[in-house]
C-alpha atoms as a PDB file:
ATOM      1  CA  MET A   1     100.286 118.767 136.730  1.00  0.00           C
ATOM      2  CA  THR A   2      97.170 119.559 134.741  1.00  0.00           C
ATOM      3  CA  ALA A   3      95.980 122.104 137.299  1.00  0.00           C
ATOM      4  CA  TYR A   4      99.417 123.730 137.243  1.00  0.00           C
ATOM      5  CA  LEU A   5      99.382 124.052 133.442  1.00  0.00           C
ATOM      6  CA  THR A   6      95.881 125.509 133.573  1.00  0.00           C
ATOM      7  CA  LEU A   7      97.027 128.001 136.197  1.00  0.00           C
ATOM      8  CA  LEU A   8     100.001 128.947 134.019  1.00  0.00           C
ATOM      9  CA  ALA A   9      97.690 129.501 131.061  1.00  0.00           C
ATOM     10  CA  TYR A  10      95.624 131.942 133.103  1.00  0.00           C
ATOM     11  CA  ALA A  11      98.679 133.641 134.614  1.00  0.00           C
ATOM     12  CA  ALA A  12     100.235 134.413 131.226  1.00  0.00           C
ATOM     13  CA  ASP A  13      99.118 137.946 130.437  1.00  0.00           C
ATOM     14  CA  PRO A  14     100.761 140.182 127.859  1.00  0.00           C
ATOM     15  CA  ALA A  15     103.104 142.839 129.237  1.00  0.00           C
ATOM     16  CA  GLY A  16     101.769 145.356 126.744  1.00  0.00           C
ATOM     17  CA  PRO A  17     100.543 145.768 123.172  1.00  0.00           C
ATOM     18  CA  TRP A  18     103.936 144.729 121.813  1.00  0.00           C
ATOM     19  CA  ASP A  19     103.921 141.377 123.624  1.00  0.00           C
ATOM     20  CA  SER A  20     102.172 139.057 121.172  1.00  0.00           C
ATOM     21  CA  GLU A  21     104.432 136.108 122.054  1.00  0.00           C
ATOM     22  CA  THR A  22     102.687 135.605 125.395  1.00  0.00           C
ATOM     23  CA  VAL A  23      99.281 135.423 123.754  1.00  0.00           C
ATOM     24  CA  THR A  24     100.136 133.225 120.812  1.00  0.00           C
ATOM     25  CA  THR A  25     102.728 130.952 122.306  1.00  0.00           C
ATOM     26  CA  HIS A  26     102.846 130.666 126.069  1.00  0.00           C
ATOM     27  CA  SER A  27      99.180 130.858 126.960  1.00  0.00           C
ATOM     28  CA  ASN A  28      97.985 128.655 124.117  1.00  0.00           C
ATOM     29  CA  PHE A  29     100.725 126.074 124.701  1.00  0.00           C
ATOM     30  CA  ALA A  30      99.959 125.824 128.417  1.00  0.00           C
ATOM     31  CA  ALA A  31      96.205 125.553 127.826  1.00  0.00           C
ATOM     32  CA  GLY A  32      96.625 123.056 124.997  1.00  0.00           C
ATOM     33  CA  SER A  33      98.957 120.902 127.083  1.00  0.00           C
ATOM     34  CA  ALA A  34      96.498 121.039 129.974  1.00  0.00           C
ATOM     35  CA  LEU A  35      93.687 119.985 127.645  1.00  0.00           C
ATOM     36  CA  ALA A  36      95.737 117.030 126.392  1.00  0.00           C
ATOM     37  CA  LEU A  37      96.580 115.973 129.938  1.00  0.00           C
ATOM     38  CA  THR A  38      92.935 116.157 130.968  1.00  0.00           C
ATOM     39  CA  ALA A  39      92.156 113.651 128.221  1.00  0.00           C
ATOM     40  CA  VAL A  40      94.713 111.294 129.759  1.00  0.00           C
ATOM     41  CA  THR A  41      93.345 111.969 133.239  1.00  0.00           C
ATOM     42  CA  ALA A  42      89.783 111.332 132.080  1.00  0.00           C
ATOM     43  CA  GLY A  43      90.860 108.043 130.524  1.00  0.00           C
ATOM     44  CA  LEU A  44      92.578 106.968 133.716  1.00  0.00           C
ATOM     45  CA  SER A  45      89.526 108.018 135.739  1.00  0.00           C
ATOM     46  CA  TRP A  46      87.344 105.897 133.488  1.00  0.00           C
ATOM     47  CA  VAL A  47      89.600 102.869 134.000  1.00  0.00           C
ATOM     48  CA  PHE A  48      89.685 103.296 137.776  1.00  0.00           C
ATOM     49  CA  VAL A  49      85.936 103.852 138.027  1.00  0.00           C
ATOM     50  CA  LYS A  50      85.359 100.681 135.963  1.00  0.00           C
ATOM     51  CA  ALA A  51      87.680  98.803 138.328  1.00  0.00           C
ATOM     52  CA  GLU A  52      85.627 100.268 141.210  1.00  0.00           C
ATOM     53  CA  TRP A  53      88.684 101.822 142.834  1.00  0.00           C
ATOM     54  CA  LEU A  54      87.174 105.308 142.482  1.00  0.00           C
ATOM     55  CA  ARG A  55      83.648 106.658 142.568  1.00  0.00           C
ATOM     56  CA  ARG A  56      81.869 108.370 139.676  1.00  0.00           C
ATOM     57  CA  TRP A  57      82.363 111.904 141.052  1.00  0.00           C
ATOM     58  CA  TRP A  58      86.044 111.642 140.049  1.00  0.00           C
ATOM     59  CA  TYR A  59      84.915 112.430 136.497  1.00  0.00           C
ATOM     60  CA  ALA A  60      84.240 115.976 137.712  1.00  0.00           C
ATOM     61  CA  ILE A  61      87.918 116.809 138.210  1.00  0.00           C
ATOM     62  CA  PRO A  62      89.148 116.269 134.633  1.00  0.00           C
ATOM     63  CA  SER A  63      85.901 117.763 133.314  1.00  0.00           C
ATOM     64  CA  ALA A  64      86.397 120.980 135.289  1.00  0.00           C
ATOM     65  CA  LEU A  65      90.040 121.263 134.255  1.00  0.00           C
ATOM     66  CA  ALA A  66      89.170 120.606 130.607  1.00  0.00           C
ATOM     67  CA  LEU A  67      86.484 123.279 130.725  1.00  0.00           C
ATOM     68  CA  ALA A  68      88.906 125.794 132.260  1.00  0.00           C
ATOM     69  CA  ALA A  69      91.585 125.054 129.640  1.00  0.00           C
ATOM     70  CA  LEU A  70      89.077 125.187 126.793  1.00  0.00           C
ATOM     71  CA  LEU A  71      87.724 128.523 128.006  1.00  0.00           C
ATOM     72  CA  ARG A  72      91.260 129.918 128.134  1.00  0.00           C
ATOM     73  CA  LEU A  73      91.867 128.800 124.552  1.00  0.00           C
ATOM     74  CA  THR A  74      88.636 130.346 123.268  1.00  0.00           C
ATOM     75  CA  LEU A  75      86.587 132.871 125.207  1.00  0.00           C
ATOM     76  CA  LEU A  76      89.059 133.977 127.862  1.00  0.00           C
ATOM     77  CA  ALA A  77      92.160 134.239 125.676  1.00  0.00           C
ATOM     78  CA  PRO A  78      94.326 137.243 126.562  1.00  0.00           C
ATOM     79  CA  GLU A  79      93.903 140.168 124.227  1.00  0.00           C
ATOM     80  CA  LEU A  80      96.464 142.674 123.053  1.00  0.00           C
END
């Protein structure tokens, strides 16, 4: 789900200079939701690593998704 929201955030490009709704609403909402879900995923990863059901490299998945969502919110935000 988190990867899908991150993909949607990157797929939302404005149709033209008049399309500010895509930039301000859709892209930011998808990236913000993905960032919130990565926090939940990181918490679950921490619990499962502590229980020794998963290995430490599972921290890489929520970290990569959080970085991608954060970059979309800041540096790679679509411009008009």
